[in-house]
Amino acid sequence: MTILKILTIPDPRLKHKSSDIEVFNKELKKTVKDMYETLYASGNGIGLAAPQVDIRKRIVVIDLNEDGKSSPITFINPKIIKFSDEKFINQEGCLSVPEYYADVERAKEVEVEWFNDSGVKFKKKLSGLLSICIQHEIDHLDGVLFIDHLSTLKRKMAIQKIKKTKKNIGNNE
């Protein structure tokens, strides 16, 4: 297994749309394993979308790790087919926008269709943290970051903070 490099803003590759997975094979399973390895190595992530590791495919791995119990879910070609009318605001962060958190409004529940890495199709209504996470990760597949849901000013502040952090890290090496 391999730990992949997580892209961070303002990397333009984060803005590309991802294409569907057409073949469910060993290569896909290896990519999924590498993505989980990368997610766990991050130390604080609960979800990772393939574009965040420069793979332009519709792959998402999520492990909410609730109550210290790992429960990984792999989403291949996930599609939200229904959003609840009820919304809620929750604080989000992102491995591609390190050290920055902001309130984002999302649908309280979503109905999602997806495949696992063996090509088995699922359809389920998701709520709570899993609902937030899958909406966030599907945004990545479409080239949208959580900061794109913020006001222009807040988005600029986030980008400036990340650039400053990167600059400081570069000066300390």
Protein backbone atom coordinates (compact mmCIF):
# COMPACT_ATOMS: atom_id res chain seq x y z
CA MET A 1 0.00 0.00 0.00
CA THR A 2 1.02 3.56 -0.64
CA ILE A 3 0.36 6.84 1.12
CA LEU A 4 -0.59 9.32 -1.59
CA LYS A 5 0.15 13.05 -1.61
CA ILE A 6 -2.90 15.13 -0.71
CA LEU A 7 -3.30 18.21 -2.90
CA THR A 8 -4.03 21.47 -1.10
CA ILE A 9 -5.46 24.79 -2.26
CA PRO A 10 -4.80 26.68 -4.45
CA ASP A 11 -3.74 23.65 -6.57
CA PRO A 12 -5.80 23.91 -9.79
CA ARG A 13 -6.11 20.11 -10.06
CA LEU A 14 -8.65 20.26 -7.21
CA LYS A 15 -11.05 22.06 -9.55
CA HIS A 16 -11.23 19.32 -12.22
CA LYS A 17 -14.34 17.18 -12.61
CA SER A 18 -13.87 13.44 -12.19
CA SER A 19 -14.93 10.72 -14.60
CA ASP A 20 -16.92 7.60 -13.80
CA ILE A 21 -15.27 4.30 -13.02
CA GLU A 22 -16.11 1.88 -15.82
CA VAL A 23 -14.04 -1.16 -14.81
CA PHE A 24 -14.10 -2.80 -11.39
CA ASN A 25 -10.76 -4.59 -11.15
CA LYS A 26 -7.64 -5.16 -9.01
CA GLU A 27 -6.29 -1.73 -9.97
CA LEU A 28 -9.42 -0.08 -8.55
CA LYS A 29 -9.15 -2.11 -5.34
CA LYS A 30 -5.49 -1.06 -4.97
CA THR A 31 -6.41 2.60 -5.49
CA VAL A 32 -9.13 2.29 -2.83
CA LYS A 33 -6.66 0.67 -0.38
CA ASP A 34 -4.12 3.43 -1.03
CA MET A 35 -6.80 6.05 -0.43
CA TYR A 36 -7.75 4.48 2.92
CA GLU A 37 -4.07 4.30 3.87
CA THR A 38 -3.73 8.00 3.00
CA LEU A 39 -6.91 8.90 4.92
CA TYR A 40 -5.73 7.08 8.05
CA ALA A 41 -2.21 8.54 7.76
CA SER A 42 -3.70 12.06 7.72
CA GLY A 43 -4.51 11.62 11.39
CA ASN A 44 -7.73 13.63 11.34
CA GLY A 45 -9.64 12.97 8.12
CA ILE A 46 -12.94 11.12 7.89
CA GLY A 47 -13.32 11.22 4.12
CA LEU A 48 -11.16 11.42 1.03
CA ALA A 49 -12.12 11.88 -2.61
CA ALA A 50 -9.87 10.70 -5.43
CA PRO A 51 -9.27 14.21 -6.86
CA GLN A 52 -7.62 15.17 -3.56
CA VAL A 53 -4.84 12.70 -4.39
CA ASP A 54 -4.71 13.69 -8.08
CA ILE A 55 -6.86 10.83 -9.35
CA ARG A 56 -9.64 12.14 -11.60
CA LYS A 57 -12.05 9.29 -10.93
CA ARG A 58 -15.33 9.18 -8.99
CA ILE A 59 -14.01 7.37 -5.90
CA VAL A 60 -14.72 8.32 -2.28
CA VAL A 61 -13.61 6.59 0.91
CA ILE A 62 -15.19 7.45 4.25
CA ASP A 63 -14.53 6.17 7.75
CA LEU A 64 -16.34 8.15 10.44
CA ASN A 65 -14.55 6.07 13.08
CA GLU A 66 -17.34 6.71 15.58
CA ASP A 67 -16.80 5.61 19.18
CA GLY A 68 -13.30 4.44 18.22
CA LYS A 69 -14.83 1.85 15.89
CA SER A 70 -13.68 1.83 12.27
CA SER A 71 -16.49 1.53 9.72
CA PRO A 72 -15.07 2.20 6.25
CA ILE A 73 -17.46 2.76 3.35
CA THR A 74 -16.28 2.92 -0.26
CA PHE A 75 -18.35 4.90 -2.74
CA ILE A 76 -17.67 4.38 -6.45
CA ASN A 77 -19.56 6.70 -8.84
CA PRO A 78 -21.70 8.11 -6.00
CA LYS A 79 -24.69 10.16 -7.03
CA ILE A 80 -27.09 12.08 -4.80
CA ILE A 81 -30.55 11.40 -6.16
CA LYS A 82 -32.51 13.29 -3.54
CA PHE A 83 -31.77 16.10 -1.07
CA SER A 84 -34.03 16.70 1.93
CA ASP A 85 -35.67 20.11 2.10
CA GLU A 86 -34.48 20.42 5.68
CA LYS A 87 -31.02 21.97 5.95
CA PHE A 88 -28.55 22.38 8.74
CA ILE A 89 -25.30 24.22 9.27
CA ASN A 90 -22.26 22.33 10.42
CA GLN A 91 -18.60 23.21 10.77
CA GLU A 92 -16.50 21.56 8.07
CA GLY A 93 -12.82 21.14 7.48
CA CYS A 94 -10.90 19.51 4.66
CA LEU A 95 -7.59 17.76 4.16
CA SER A 96 -7.11 19.92 1.04
CA VAL A 97 -7.76 23.10 3.05
CA PRO A 98 -5.65 22.30 6.13
CA GLU A 99 -6.18 24.09 9.43
CA TYR A 100 -9.27 25.95 8.21
CA TYR A 101 -12.84 25.33 9.39
CA ALA A 102 -16.07 27.11 8.48
CA ASP A 103 -19.83 26.70 8.78
CA VAL A 104 -21.44 25.24 5.67
CA GLU A 105 -25.13 24.67 4.99
CA ARG A 106 -26.01 21.18 3.73
CA ALA A 107 -29.12 19.05 3.29
CA LYS A 108 -29.91 17.20 6.51
CA GLU A 109 -30.50 13.96 4.61
CA VAL A 110 -29.55 12.71 1.18
CA GLU A 111 -30.47 9.64 -0.82
CA VAL A 112 -27.39 8.27 -2.54
CA GLU A 113 -26.73 5.63 -5.20
CA TRP A 114 -23.25 4.15 -5.50
CA PHE A 115 -21.23 1.02 -6.17
CA ASN A 116 -18.69 -0.64 -3.93
CA ASP A 117 -15.26 -1.55 -5.32
CA SER A 118 -16.61 -4.93 -6.50
CA GLY A 119 -19.34 -3.32 -8.61
CA VAL A 120 -22.27 -4.04 -6.28
CA LYS A 121 -24.87 -1.25 -6.43
CA PHE A 122 -26.32 0.38 -3.31
CA LYS A 123 -29.03 2.96 -2.68
CA LYS A 124 -29.53 4.39 0.77
CA LYS A 125 -30.78 7.43 2.67
CA LEU A 126 -27.91 8.95 4.66
CA SER A 127 -28.20 11.38 7.57
CA GLY A 128 -26.07 13.02 10.23
CA LEU A 129 -22.30 13.18 9.83
CA LEU A 130 -22.35 10.64 6.98
CA SER A 131 -24.76 12.88 5.03
CA ILE A 132 -22.48 15.89 5.50
CA CYS A 133 -19.39 13.91 4.58
CA ILE A 134 -20.78 12.38 1.38
CA GLN A 135 -22.06 15.79 0.20
CA HIS A 136 -18.59 17.28 0.89
CA GLU A 137 -16.78 14.44 -0.91
CA ILE A 138 -19.11 14.40 -3.94
CA ASP A 139 -18.43 18.13 -4.24
CA HIS A 140 -14.74 17.21 -4.62
CA LEU A 141 -15.63 14.87 -7.48
CA ASP A 142 -17.26 17.83 -9.20
CA GLY A 143 -14.33 20.20 -8.60
CA VAL A 144 -16.04 22.04 -5.74
CA LEU A 145 -14.37 22.72 -2.37
CA PHE A 146 -16.24 23.45 0.85
CA ILE A 147 -14.81 26.98 0.80
CA ASP A 148 -16.65 27.52 -2.51
CA HIS A 149 -19.84 27.54 -0.41
CA LEU A 150 -18.53 30.52 1.60
CA SER A 151 -18.67 34.23 0.87
CA THR A 152 -15.97 35.62 -1.41
CA LEU A 153 -14.28 37.31 1.56
CA LYS A 154 -14.17 34.15 3.70
CA ARG A 155 -12.89 32.11 0.73
CA LYS A 156 -10.07 34.62 0.11
CA MET A 157 -9.19 34.52 3.81
CA ALA A 158 -8.95 30.71 3.71
CA ILE A 159 -6.69 30.75 0.65
CA GLN A 160 -4.45 33.45 2.18
CA LYS A 161 -4.16 31.47 5.41
CA ILE A 162 -3.12 28.30 3.56
CA LYS A 163 -0.57 30.18 1.41
CA LYS A 164 0.89 31.78 4.56
CA THR A 165 1.09 28.40 6.32
CA LYS A 166 2.82 26.82 3.30
CA LYS A 167 5.26 29.72 3.13
CA ASN A 168 6.09 29.38 6.83
CA ILE A 169 6.60 25.62 6.48
CA GLY A 170 8.91 26.23 3.51
CA ASN A 171 10.97 28.73 5.53
CA ASN A 172 11.40 26.25 8.40
CA GLU A 173 12.81 23.46 6.28
